[in-house]
Amino acid sequence: MEFVREEGGQYGESIENMKLYIDEDVVDEGPMKTQPAKFTLSGDGLCVGYDSGDAVSSQYESPGTFKGGTIGGVGVTVEGKAYVDLEAEAKRMMMTQ
């Protein structure tokens, strides 16, 4: 998947254009919102073979489980500068005090 941030939403979320690839081919694309807070790559943060949130393709319903094939591998890269919501980050820091 590839995300390109296009704008910020009303609640600080990123509104992005998402492209879903199989090998080098784009198999679906469309708008997507991302979580405006810190999270980890565990639990529902990153799902492979299962989708518990918004569907990334119009070709299946969510929540859903991948069936009928084999997932040969998953690669994750992070490029560019991360978006930081300074107001949300300050609130988070104050809550730990």
PDB file of N, CA and C in Angstrom:
ATOM      1  N   MET A   1       0.843  -1.172   0.000  1.00  0.00           N
ATOM      2  CA  MET A   1       0.000   0.000   0.000  1.00  0.00           C
ATOM      3  C   MET A   1       0.885   1.231   0.000  1.00  0.00           C
ATOM      4  N   GLU A   2       0.388   2.266  -0.622  1.00  0.00           N
ATOM      5  CA  GLU A   2       1.093   3.540  -0.654  1.00  0.00           C
ATOM      6  C   GLU A   2       0.101   4.618  -0.231  1.00  0.00           C
ATOM      7  N   PHE A   3       0.519   5.460   0.709  1.00  0.00           N
ATOM      8  CA  PHE A   3      -0.308   6.569   1.169  1.00  0.00           C
ATOM      9  C   PHE A   3       0.364   7.880   0.794  1.00  0.00           C
ATOM     10  N   VAL A   4      -0.410   8.802   0.249  1.00  0.00           N
ATOM     11  CA  VAL A   4       0.102  10.143  -0.033  1.00  0.00           C
ATOM     12  C   VAL A   4      -0.835  11.123   0.659  1.00  0.00           C
ATOM     13  N   ARG A   5      -0.332  11.834   1.684  1.00  0.00           N
ATOM     14  CA  ARG A   5      -1.158  12.771   2.446  1.00  0.00           C
ATOM     15  C   ARG A   5      -1.545  13.947   1.570  1.00  0.00           C
ATOM     16  N   GLU A   6      -2.843  14.204   1.493  1.00  0.00           N
ATOM     17  CA  GLU A   6      -3.345  15.286   0.662  1.00  0.00           C
ATOM     18  C   GLU A   6      -3.812  16.476   1.491  1.00  0.00           C
ATOM     19  N   GLU A   7      -4.367  16.207   2.682  1.00  0.00           N
ATOM     20  CA  GLU A   7      -4.852  17.295   3.525  1.00  0.00           C
ATOM     21  C   GLU A   7      -5.082  16.796   4.937  1.00  0.00           C
ATOM     22  N   GLY A   8      -5.295  17.744   5.849  1.00  0.00           N
ATOM     23  CA  GLY A   8      -5.653  17.408   7.217  1.00  0.00           C
ATOM     24  C   GLY A   8      -7.148  17.530   7.403  1.00  0.00           C
ATOM     25  N   GLY A   9      -7.705  16.609   8.185  1.00  0.00           N
ATOM     26  CA  GLY A   9      -9.138  16.612   8.430  1.00  0.00           C
ATOM     27  C   GLY A   9      -9.518  17.462   9.627  1.00  0.00           C
ATOM     28  N   GLN A  10     -10.781  17.530   9.891  1.00  0.00           N
ATOM     29  CA  GLN A  10     -11.351  18.343  10.964  1.00  0.00           C
ATOM     30  C   GLN A  10     -10.793  17.961  12.337  1.00  0.00           C
ATOM     31  N   TYR A  11     -10.459  16.681  12.548  1.00  0.00           N
ATOM     32  CA  TYR A  11      -9.999  16.207  13.854  1.00  0.00           C
ATOM     33  C   TYR A  11      -8.502  15.926  13.875  1.00  0.00           C
ATOM     34  N   GLY A  12      -7.755  16.453  12.913  1.00  0.00           N
ATOM     35  CA  GLY A  12      -6.321  16.255  12.867  1.00  0.00           C
ATOM     36  C   GLY A  12      -5.899  15.015  12.103  1.00  0.00           C
ATOM     37  N   GLU A  13      -6.873  14.268  11.592  1.00  0.00           N
ATOM     38  CA  GLU A  13      -6.535  13.063  10.843  1.00  0.00           C
ATOM     39  C   GLU A  13      -5.966  13.430   9.475  1.00  0.00           C
ATOM     40  N   SER A  14      -5.155  12.536   8.941  1.00  0.00           N
ATOM     41  CA  SER A  14      -4.639  12.723   7.596  1.00  0.00           C
ATOM     42  C   SER A  14      -5.644  12.150   6.604  1.00  0.00           C
ATOM     43  N   ILE A  15      -5.946  12.920   5.581  1.00  0.00           N
ATOM     44  CA  ILE A  15      -6.793  12.433   4.493  1.00  0.00           C
ATOM     45  C   ILE A  15      -5.848  12.189   3.332  1.00  0.00           C
ATOM     46  N   GLU A  16      -5.821  10.951   2.887  1.00  0.00           N
ATOM     47  CA  GLU A  16      -4.797  10.530   1.955  1.00  0.00           C
ATOM     48  C   GLU A  16      -5.389   9.788   0.770  1.00  0.00           C
ATOM     49  N   ASN A  17      -4.604   9.715  -0.284  1.00  0.00           N
ATOM     50  CA  ASN A  17      -4.933   8.826  -1.386  1.00  0.00           C
ATOM     51  C   ASN A  17      -4.126   7.551  -1.165  1.00  0.00           C
ATOM     52  N   MET A  18      -4.797   6.414  -1.187  1.00  0.00           N
ATOM     53  CA  MET A  18      -4.166   5.133  -0.946  1.00  0.00           C
ATOM     54  C   MET A  18      -4.168   4.329  -2.238  1.00  0.00           C
ATOM     55  N   LYS A  19      -3.052   3.659  -2.496  1.00  0.00           N
ATOM     56  CA  LYS A  19      -2.970   2.726  -3.625  1.00  0.00           C
ATOM     57  C   LYS A  19      -2.591   1.358  -3.065  1.00  0.00           C
ATOM     58  N   LEU A  20      -3.324   0.329  -3.497  1.00  0.00           N
ATOM     59  CA  LEU A  20      -3.056  -1.042  -3.086  1.00  0.00           C
ATOM     60  C   LEU A  20      -2.368  -1.760  -4.241  1.00  0.00           C
ATOM     61  N   TYR A  21      -1.192  -2.307  -3.965  1.00  0.00           N
ATOM     62  CA  TYR A  21      -0.389  -2.972  -4.994  1.00  0.00           C
ATOM     63  C   TYR A  21      -0.371  -4.484  -4.782  1.00  0.00           C
ATOM     64  N   ILE A  22      -0.323  -5.217  -5.860  1.00  0.00           N
ATOM     65  CA  ILE A  22       0.090  -6.613  -5.871  1.00  0.00           C
ATOM     66  C   ILE A  22       1.282  -6.639  -6.809  1.00  0.00           C
ATOM     67  N   ASP A  23       2.428  -6.991  -6.270  1.00  0.00           N
ATOM     68  CA  ASP A  23       3.700  -6.860  -6.968  1.00  0.00           C
ATOM     69  C   ASP A  23       3.850  -5.395  -7.377  1.00  0.00           C
ATOM     70  N   GLU A  24       3.993  -5.096  -8.643  1.00  0.00           N
ATOM     71  CA  GLU A  24       4.150  -3.707  -9.096  1.00  0.00           C
ATOM     72  C   GLU A  24       2.854  -3.106  -9.626  1.00  0.00           C
ATOM     73  N   ASP A  25       1.766  -3.878  -9.612  1.00  0.00           N
ATOM     74  CA  ASP A  25       0.507  -3.446 -10.219  1.00  0.00           C
ATOM     75  C   ASP A  25      -0.444  -2.845  -9.184  1.00  0.00           C
ATOM     76  N   VAL A  26      -1.014  -1.669  -9.483  1.00  0.00           N
ATOM     77  CA  VAL A  26      -2.040  -1.065  -8.636  1.00  0.00           C
ATOM     78  C   VAL A  26      -3.346  -1.806  -8.907  1.00  0.00           C
ATOM     79  N   VAL A  27      -3.914  -2.434  -7.861  1.00  0.00           N
ATOM     80  CA  VAL A  27      -5.146  -3.202  -8.045  1.00  0.00           C
ATOM     81  C   VAL A  27      -6.371  -2.447  -7.536  1.00  0.00           C
ATOM     82  N   ASP A  28      -6.171  -1.412  -6.719  1.00  0.00           N
ATOM     83  CA  ASP A  28      -7.277  -0.563  -6.274  1.00  0.00           C
ATOM     84  C   ASP A  28      -6.686   0.692  -5.653  1.00  0.00           C
ATOM     85  N   GLU A  29      -7.477   1.760  -5.633  1.00  0.00           N
ATOM     86  CA  GLU A  29      -7.025   2.996  -4.994  1.00  0.00           C
ATOM     87  C   GLU A  29      -8.220   3.831  -4.614  1.00  0.00           C
ATOM     88  N   GLY A  30      -8.015   4.749  -3.677  1.00  0.00           N
ATOM     89  CA  GLY A  30      -9.096   5.617  -3.254  1.00  0.00           C
ATOM     90  C   GLY A  30      -8.724   6.403  -2.017  1.00  0.00           C
ATOM     91  N   PRO A  31      -9.639   7.260  -1.542  1.00  0.00           N
ATOM     92  CA  PRO A  31      -9.367   8.077  -0.365  1.00  0.00           C
ATOM     93  C   PRO A  31      -9.364   7.235   0.912  1.00  0.00           C
ATOM     94  N   MET A  32      -8.577   7.665   1.891  1.00  0.00           N
ATOM     95  CA  MET A  32      -8.491   6.944   3.154  1.00  0.00           C
ATOM     96  C   MET A  32      -8.088   7.917   4.248  1.00  0.00           C
ATOM     97  N   LYS A  33      -8.640   7.758   5.426  1.00  0.00           N
ATOM     98  CA  LYS A  33      -8.245   8.541   6.595  1.00  0.00           C
ATOM     99  C   LYS A  33      -7.344   7.688   7.464  1.00  0.00           C
ATOM    100  N   THR A  34      -6.356   8.309   8.082  1.00  0.00           N
ATOM    101  CA  THR A  34      -5.484   7.580   8.993  1.00  0.00           C
ATOM    102  C   THR A  34      -5.656   8.101  10.406  1.00  0.00           C
ATOM    103  N   GLN A  35      -5.258   7.300  11.347  1.00  0.00           N
ATOM    104  CA  GLN A  35      -5.402   7.597  12.769  1.00  0.00           C
ATOM    105  C   GLN A  35      -4.526   8.785  13.165  1.00  0.00           C
ATOM    106  N   PRO A  36      -5.094   9.808  13.840  1.00  0.00           N
ATOM    107  CA  PRO A  36      -4.326  10.997  14.171  1.00  0.00           C
ATOM    108  C   PRO A  36      -3.583  10.907  15.501  1.00  0.00           C
ATOM    109  N   ALA A  37      -3.211   9.731  15.957  1.00  0.00           N
ATOM    110  CA  ALA A  37      -2.522   9.596  17.234  1.00  0.00           C
ATOM    111  C   ALA A  37      -1.427   8.556  17.107  1.00  0.00           C
ATOM    112  N   LYS A  38      -0.681   8.392  18.157  1.00  0.00           N
ATOM    113  CA  LYS A  38       0.385   7.395  18.169  1.00  0.00           C
ATOM    114  C   LYS A  38      -0.218   6.015  18.344  1.00  0.00           C
ATOM    115  N   PHE A  39       0.358   5.022  17.682  1.00  0.00           N
ATOM    116  CA  PHE A  39      -0.072   3.638  17.850  1.00  0.00           C
ATOM    117  C   PHE A  39       1.108   2.742  17.525  1.00  0.00           C
ATOM    118  N   THR A  40       0.989   1.493  17.837  1.00  0.00           N
ATOM    119  CA  THR A  40       2.060   0.540  17.582  1.00  0.00           C
ATOM    120  C   THR A  40       1.649  -0.421  16.480  1.00  0.00           C
ATOM    121  N   LEU A  41       2.607  -1.137  15.959  1.00  0.00           N
ATOM    122  CA  LEU A  41       2.323  -2.133  14.931  1.00  0.00           C
ATOM    123  C   LEU A  41       1.985  -3.464  15.583  1.00  0.00           C
ATOM    124  N   SER A  42       0.981  -3.433  16.438  1.00  0.00           N
ATOM    125  CA  SER A  42       0.497  -4.657  17.077  1.00  0.00           C
ATOM    126  C   SER A  42      -1.011  -4.541  17.212  1.00  0.00           C
ATOM    127  N   GLY A  43      -1.644  -5.648  17.549  1.00  0.00           N
ATOM    128  CA  GLY A  43      -3.099  -5.612  17.662  1.00  0.00           C
ATOM    129  C   GLY A  43      -3.698  -5.224  16.330  1.00  0.00           C
ATOM    130  N   ASP A  44      -4.499  -4.182  16.289  1.00  0.00           N
ATOM    131  CA  ASP A  44      -5.122  -3.740  15.052  1.00  0.00           C
ATOM    132  C   ASP A  44      -4.339  -2.646  14.339  1.00  0.00           C
ATOM    133  N   GLY A  45      -3.123  -2.335  14.804  1.00  0.00           N
ATOM    134  CA  GLY A  45      -2.321  -1.306  14.154  1.00  0.00           C
ATOM    135  C   GLY A  45      -1.920  -1.668  12.743  1.00  0.00           C
ATOM    136  N   LEU A  46      -1.537  -2.907  12.521  1.00  0.00           N
ATOM    137  CA  LEU A  46      -1.149  -3.382  11.197  1.00  0.00           C
ATOM    138  C   LEU A  46      -1.712  -4.784  11.035  1.00  0.00           C
ATOM    139  N   CYS A  47      -2.606  -4.947  10.099  1.00  0.00           N
ATOM    140  CA  CYS A  47      -3.247  -6.256   9.891  1.00  0.00           C
ATOM    141  C   CYS A  47      -2.755  -6.846   8.575  1.00  0.00           C
ATOM    142  N   VAL A  48      -2.399  -8.115   8.602  1.00  0.00           N
ATOM    143  CA  VAL A  48      -2.028  -8.842   7.389  1.00  0.00           C
ATOM    144  C   VAL A  48      -2.909 -10.081   7.339  1.00  0.00           C
ATOM    145  N   GLY A  49      -3.730 -10.176   6.310  1.00  0.00           N
ATOM    146  CA  GLY A  49      -4.628 -11.310   6.184  1.00  0.00           C
ATOM    147  C   GLY A  49      -5.945 -11.120   6.909  1.00  0.00           C
ATOM    148  N   TYR A  50      -6.110  -9.982   7.570  1.00  0.00           N
ATOM    149  CA  TYR A  50      -7.339  -9.670   8.287  1.00  0.00           C
ATOM    150  C   TYR A  50      -7.493  -8.158   8.301  1.00  0.00           C
ATOM    151  N   ASP A  51      -8.691  -7.671   8.107  1.00  0.00           N
ATOM    152  CA  ASP A  51      -8.933  -6.227   8.155  1.00  0.00           C
ATOM    153  C   ASP A  51     -10.058  -5.964   9.132  1.00  0.00           C
ATOM    154  N   SER A  52      -9.750  -5.235  10.192  1.00  0.00           N
ATOM    155  CA  SER A  52     -10.753  -4.947  11.211  1.00  0.00           C
ATOM    156  C   SER A  52     -11.304  -3.533  11.106  1.00  0.00           C
ATOM    157  N   GLY A  53     -10.731  -2.723  10.221  1.00  0.00           N
ATOM    158  CA  GLY A  53     -11.172  -1.338  10.093  1.00  0.00           C
ATOM    159  C   GLY A  53     -11.795  -1.068   8.741  1.00  0.00           C
ATOM    160  N   ASP A  54     -11.558   0.133   8.222  1.00  0.00           N
ATOM    161  CA  ASP A  54     -12.080   0.494   6.908  1.00  0.00           C
ATOM    162  C   ASP A  54     -11.441  -0.387   5.836  1.00  0.00           C
ATOM    163  N   ALA A  55     -12.250  -0.866   4.921  1.00  0.00           N
ATOM    164  CA  ALA A  55     -11.733  -1.688   3.827  1.00  0.00           C
ATOM    165  C   ALA A  55     -10.833  -0.839   2.934  1.00  0.00           C
ATOM    166  N   VAL A  56      -9.696  -1.402   2.523  1.00  0.00           N
ATOM    167  CA  VAL A  56      -8.791  -0.680   1.632  1.00  0.00           C
ATOM    168  C   VAL A  56      -9.112  -0.942   0.173  1.00  0.00           C
ATOM    169  N   SER A  57     -10.107  -1.763  -0.078  1.00  0.00           N
ATOM    170  CA  SER A  57     -10.518  -2.068  -1.444  1.00  0.00           C
ATOM    171  C   SER A  57     -12.031  -2.225  -1.477  1.00  0.00           C
ATOM    172  N   SER A  58     -12.629  -1.841  -2.574  1.00  0.00           N
ATOM    173  CA  SER A  58     -14.069  -2.035  -2.745  1.00  0.00           C
ATOM    174  C   SER A  58     -14.395  -3.482  -3.096  1.00  0.00           C
ATOM    175  N   GLN A  59     -13.372  -4.329  -3.208  1.00  0.00           N
ATOM    176  CA  GLN A  59     -13.564  -5.714  -3.612  1.00  0.00           C
ATOM    177  C   GLN A  59     -13.865  -6.648  -2.441  1.00  0.00           C
ATOM    178  N   TYR A  60     -13.924  -6.130  -1.207  1.00  0.00           N
ATOM    179  CA  TYR A  60     -14.304  -6.957  -0.065  1.00  0.00           C
ATOM    180  C   TYR A  60     -14.945  -6.102   1.014  1.00  0.00           C
ATOM    181  N   GLU A  61     -15.624  -6.757   1.951  1.00  0.00           N
ATOM    182  CA  GLU A  61     -16.257  -6.065   3.068  1.00  0.00           C
ATOM    183  C   GLU A  61     -15.361  -6.166   4.292  1.00  0.00           C
ATOM    184  N   SER A  62     -15.450  -5.190   5.146  1.00  0.00           N
ATOM    185  CA  SER A  62     -14.680  -5.188   6.381  1.00  0.00           C
ATOM    186  C   SER A  62     -15.636  -5.157   7.556  1.00  0.00           C
ATOM    187  N   PRO A  63     -15.376  -5.880   8.650  1.00  0.00           N
ATOM    188  CA  PRO A  63     -14.178  -6.690   8.839  1.00  0.00           C
ATOM    189  C   PRO A  63     -14.192  -7.918   7.943  1.00  0.00           C
ATOM    190  N   GLY A  64     -13.005  -8.399   7.651  1.00  0.00           N
ATOM    191  CA  GLY A  64     -12.911  -9.551   6.777  1.00  0.00           C
ATOM    192  C   GLY A  64     -11.590 -10.266   6.924  1.00  0.00           C
ATOM    193  N   THR A  65     -11.564 -11.513   6.474  1.00  0.00           N
ATOM    194  CA  THR A  65     -10.371 -12.352   6.531  1.00  0.00           C
ATOM    195  C   THR A  65      -9.987 -12.755   5.123  1.00  0.00           C
ATOM    196  N   PHE A  66      -8.707 -12.693   4.815  1.00  0.00           N
ATOM    197  CA  PHE A  66      -8.181 -13.092   3.511  1.00  0.00           C
ATOM    198  C   PHE A  66      -8.372 -14.590   3.317  1.00  0.00           C
ATOM    199  N   LYS A  67      -8.919 -14.964   2.176  1.00  0.00           N
ATOM    200  CA  LYS A  67      -9.147 -16.383   1.862  1.00  0.00           C
ATOM    201  C   LYS A  67      -8.820 -16.626   0.399  1.00  0.00           C
ATOM    202  N   GLY A  68      -8.432 -17.848   0.082  1.00  0.00           N
ATOM    203  CA  GLY A  68      -8.264 -18.238  -1.301  1.00  0.00           C
ATOM    204  C   GLY A  68      -6.922 -17.926  -1.914  1.00  0.00           C
ATOM    205  N   GLY A  69      -5.875 -17.852  -1.122  1.00  0.00           N
ATOM    206  CA  GLY A  69      -4.560 -17.570  -1.675  1.00  0.00           C
ATOM    207  C   GLY A  69      -3.486 -17.682  -0.618  1.00  0.00           C
ATOM    208  N   THR A  70      -2.298 -17.257  -0.975  1.00  0.00           N
ATOM    209  CA  THR A  70      -1.163 -17.297  -0.063  1.00  0.00           C
ATOM    210  C   THR A  70      -0.513 -15.926  -0.037  1.00  0.00           C
ATOM    211  N   ILE A  71      -0.237 -15.429   1.152  1.00  0.00           N
ATOM    212  CA  ILE A  71       0.501 -14.178   1.300  1.00  0.00           C
ATOM    213  C   ILE A  71       1.974 -14.553   1.349  1.00  0.00           C
ATOM    214  N   GLY A  72       2.699 -14.169   0.310  1.00  0.00           N
ATOM    215  CA  GLY A  72       4.106 -14.560   0.193  1.00  0.00           C
ATOM    216  C   GLY A  72       5.052 -13.686   0.983  1.00  0.00           C
ATOM    217  N   GLY A  73       4.627 -12.475   1.333  1.00  0.00           N
ATOM    218  CA  GLY A  73       5.496 -11.578   2.088  1.00  0.00           C
ATOM    219  C   GLY A  73       4.852 -10.221   2.236  1.00  0.00           C
ATOM    220  N   VAL A  74       5.350  -9.463   3.176  1.00  0.00           N
ATOM    221  CA  VAL A  74       4.858  -8.118   3.446  1.00  0.00           C
ATOM    222  C   VAL A  74       6.066  -7.217   3.658  1.00  0.00           C
ATOM    223  N   GLY A  75       6.092  -6.066   3.009  1.00  0.00           N
ATOM    224  CA  GLY A  75       7.166  -5.099   3.211  1.00  0.00           C
ATOM    225  C   GLY A  75       6.595  -3.773   3.682  1.00  0.00           C
ATOM    226  N   VAL A  76       7.256  -3.146   4.636  1.00  0.00           N
ATOM    227  CA  VAL A  76       6.815  -1.854   5.164  1.00  0.00           C
ATOM    228  C   VAL A  76       7.988  -0.885   5.092  1.00  0.00           C
ATOM    229  N   THR A  77       7.784   0.262   4.449  1.00  0.00           N
ATOM    230  CA  THR A  77       8.789   1.311   4.439  1.00  0.00           C
ATOM    231  C   THR A  77       8.135   2.616   4.863  1.00  0.00           C
ATOM    232  N   VAL A  78       8.917   3.476   5.454  1.00  0.00           N
ATOM    233  CA  VAL A  78       8.433   4.796   5.861  1.00  0.00           C
ATOM    234  C   VAL A  78       9.351   5.821   5.203  1.00  0.00           C
ATOM    235  N   GLU A  79       8.758   6.648   4.362  1.00  0.00           N
ATOM    236  CA  GLU A  79       9.541   7.642   3.643  1.00  0.00           C
ATOM    237  C   GLU A  79       8.966   9.025   3.888  1.00  0.00           C
ATOM    238  N   GLY A  80       9.793  10.026   3.725  1.00  0.00           N
ATOM    239  CA  GLY A  80       9.335  11.394   3.902  1.00  0.00           C
ATOM    240  C   GLY A  80       9.261  11.767   5.369  1.00  0.00           C
ATOM    241  N   LYS A  81       8.883  12.992   5.616  1.00  0.00           N
ATOM    242  CA  LYS A  81       8.803  13.512   6.975  1.00  0.00           C
ATOM    243  C   LYS A  81       7.433  13.199   7.565  1.00  0.00           C
ATOM    244  N   ALA A  82       7.414  12.706   8.779  1.00  0.00           N
ATOM    245  CA  ALA A  82       6.161  12.365   9.448  1.00  0.00           C
ATOM    246  C   ALA A  82       5.385  13.621   9.824  1.00  0.00           C
ATOM    247  N   TYR A  83       4.062  13.545   9.697  1.00  0.00           N
ATOM    248  CA  TYR A  83       3.198  14.639  10.131  1.00  0.00           C
ATOM    249  C   TYR A  83       3.079  14.587  11.644  1.00  0.00           C
ATOM    250  N   VAL A  84       3.265  15.719  12.308  1.00  0.00           N
ATOM    251  CA  VAL A  84       3.137  15.793  13.763  1.00  0.00           C
ATOM    252  C   VAL A  84       2.098  16.849  14.102  1.00  0.00           C
ATOM    253  N   ASP A  85       1.050  16.452  14.812  1.00  0.00           N
ATOM    254  CA  ASP A  85       0.046  17.383  15.312  1.00  0.00           C
ATOM    255  C   ASP A  85       0.558  17.872  16.662  1.00  0.00           C
ATOM    256  N   LEU A  86       1.142  19.056  16.682  1.00  0.00           N
ATOM    257  CA  LEU A  86       1.797  19.560  17.894  1.00  0.00           C
ATOM    258  C   LEU A  86       0.820  19.740  19.050  1.00  0.00           C
ATOM    259  N   GLU A  87      -0.400  20.162  18.775  1.00  0.00           N
ATOM    260  CA  GLU A  87      -1.393  20.332  19.838  1.00  0.00           C
ATOM    261  C   GLU A  87      -1.753  18.979  20.470  1.00  0.00           C
ATOM    262  N   ALA A  88      -1.979  17.980  19.654  1.00  0.00           N
ATOM    263  CA  ALA A  88      -2.295  16.643  20.171  1.00  0.00           C
ATOM    264  C   ALA A  88      -1.104  16.061  20.925  1.00  0.00           C
ATOM    265  N   GLU A  89       0.091  16.304  20.434  1.00  0.00           N
ATOM    266  CA  GLU A  89       1.299  15.809  21.099  1.00  0.00           C
ATOM    267  C   GLU A  89       1.482  16.483  22.462  1.00  0.00           C
ATOM    268  N   ALA A  90       1.198  17.785  22.556  1.00  0.00           N
ATOM    269  CA  ALA A  90       1.299  18.491  23.834  1.00  0.00           C
ATOM    270  C   ALA A  90       0.276  17.952  24.833  1.00  0.00           C
ATOM    271  N   LYS A  91      -0.948  17.701  24.379  1.00  0.00           N
ATOM    272  CA  LYS A  91      -1.976  17.130  25.269  1.00  0.00           C
ATOM    273  C   LYS A  91      -1.548  15.754  25.777  1.00  0.00           C
ATOM    274  N   ARG A  92      -0.996  14.939  24.882  1.00  0.00           N
ATOM    275  CA  ARG A  92      -0.540  13.611  25.277  1.00  0.00           C
ATOM    276  C   ARG A  92       0.555  13.700  26.325  1.00  0.00           C
ATOM    277  N   MET A  93       1.484  14.627  26.132  1.00  0.00           N
ATOM    278  CA  MET A  93       2.583  14.812  27.095  1.00  0.00           C
ATOM    279  C   MET A  93       2.071  15.272  28.458  1.00  0.00           C
ATOM    280  N   MET A  94       1.068  16.176  28.439  1.00  0.00           N
ATOM    281  CA  MET A  94       0.509  16.673  29.702  1.00  0.00           C
ATOM    282  C   MET A  94      -0.214  15.562  30.457  1.00  0.00           C
ATOM    283  N   MET A  95      -0.802  14.623  29.753  1.00  0.00           N
ATOM    284  CA  MET A  95      -1.513  13.528  30.405  1.00  0.00           C
ATOM    285  C   MET A  95      -0.575  12.567  31.118  1.00  0.00           C
ATOM    286  N   THR A  96       0.689  12.550  30.741  1.00  0.00           N
ATOM    287  CA  THR A  96       1.674  11.659  31.386  1.00  0.00           C
ATOM    288  C   THR A  96       2.299  12.305  32.602  1.00  0.00           C
ATOM    289  N   GLN A  97       2.040  13.577  32.834  1.00  0.00           N
ATOM    290  CA  GLN A  97       2.631  14.300  33.966  1.00  0.00           C
ATOM    291  C   GLN A  97       1.997  13.893  35.271  1.00  0.00           C
TER     292      GLN A  97
END
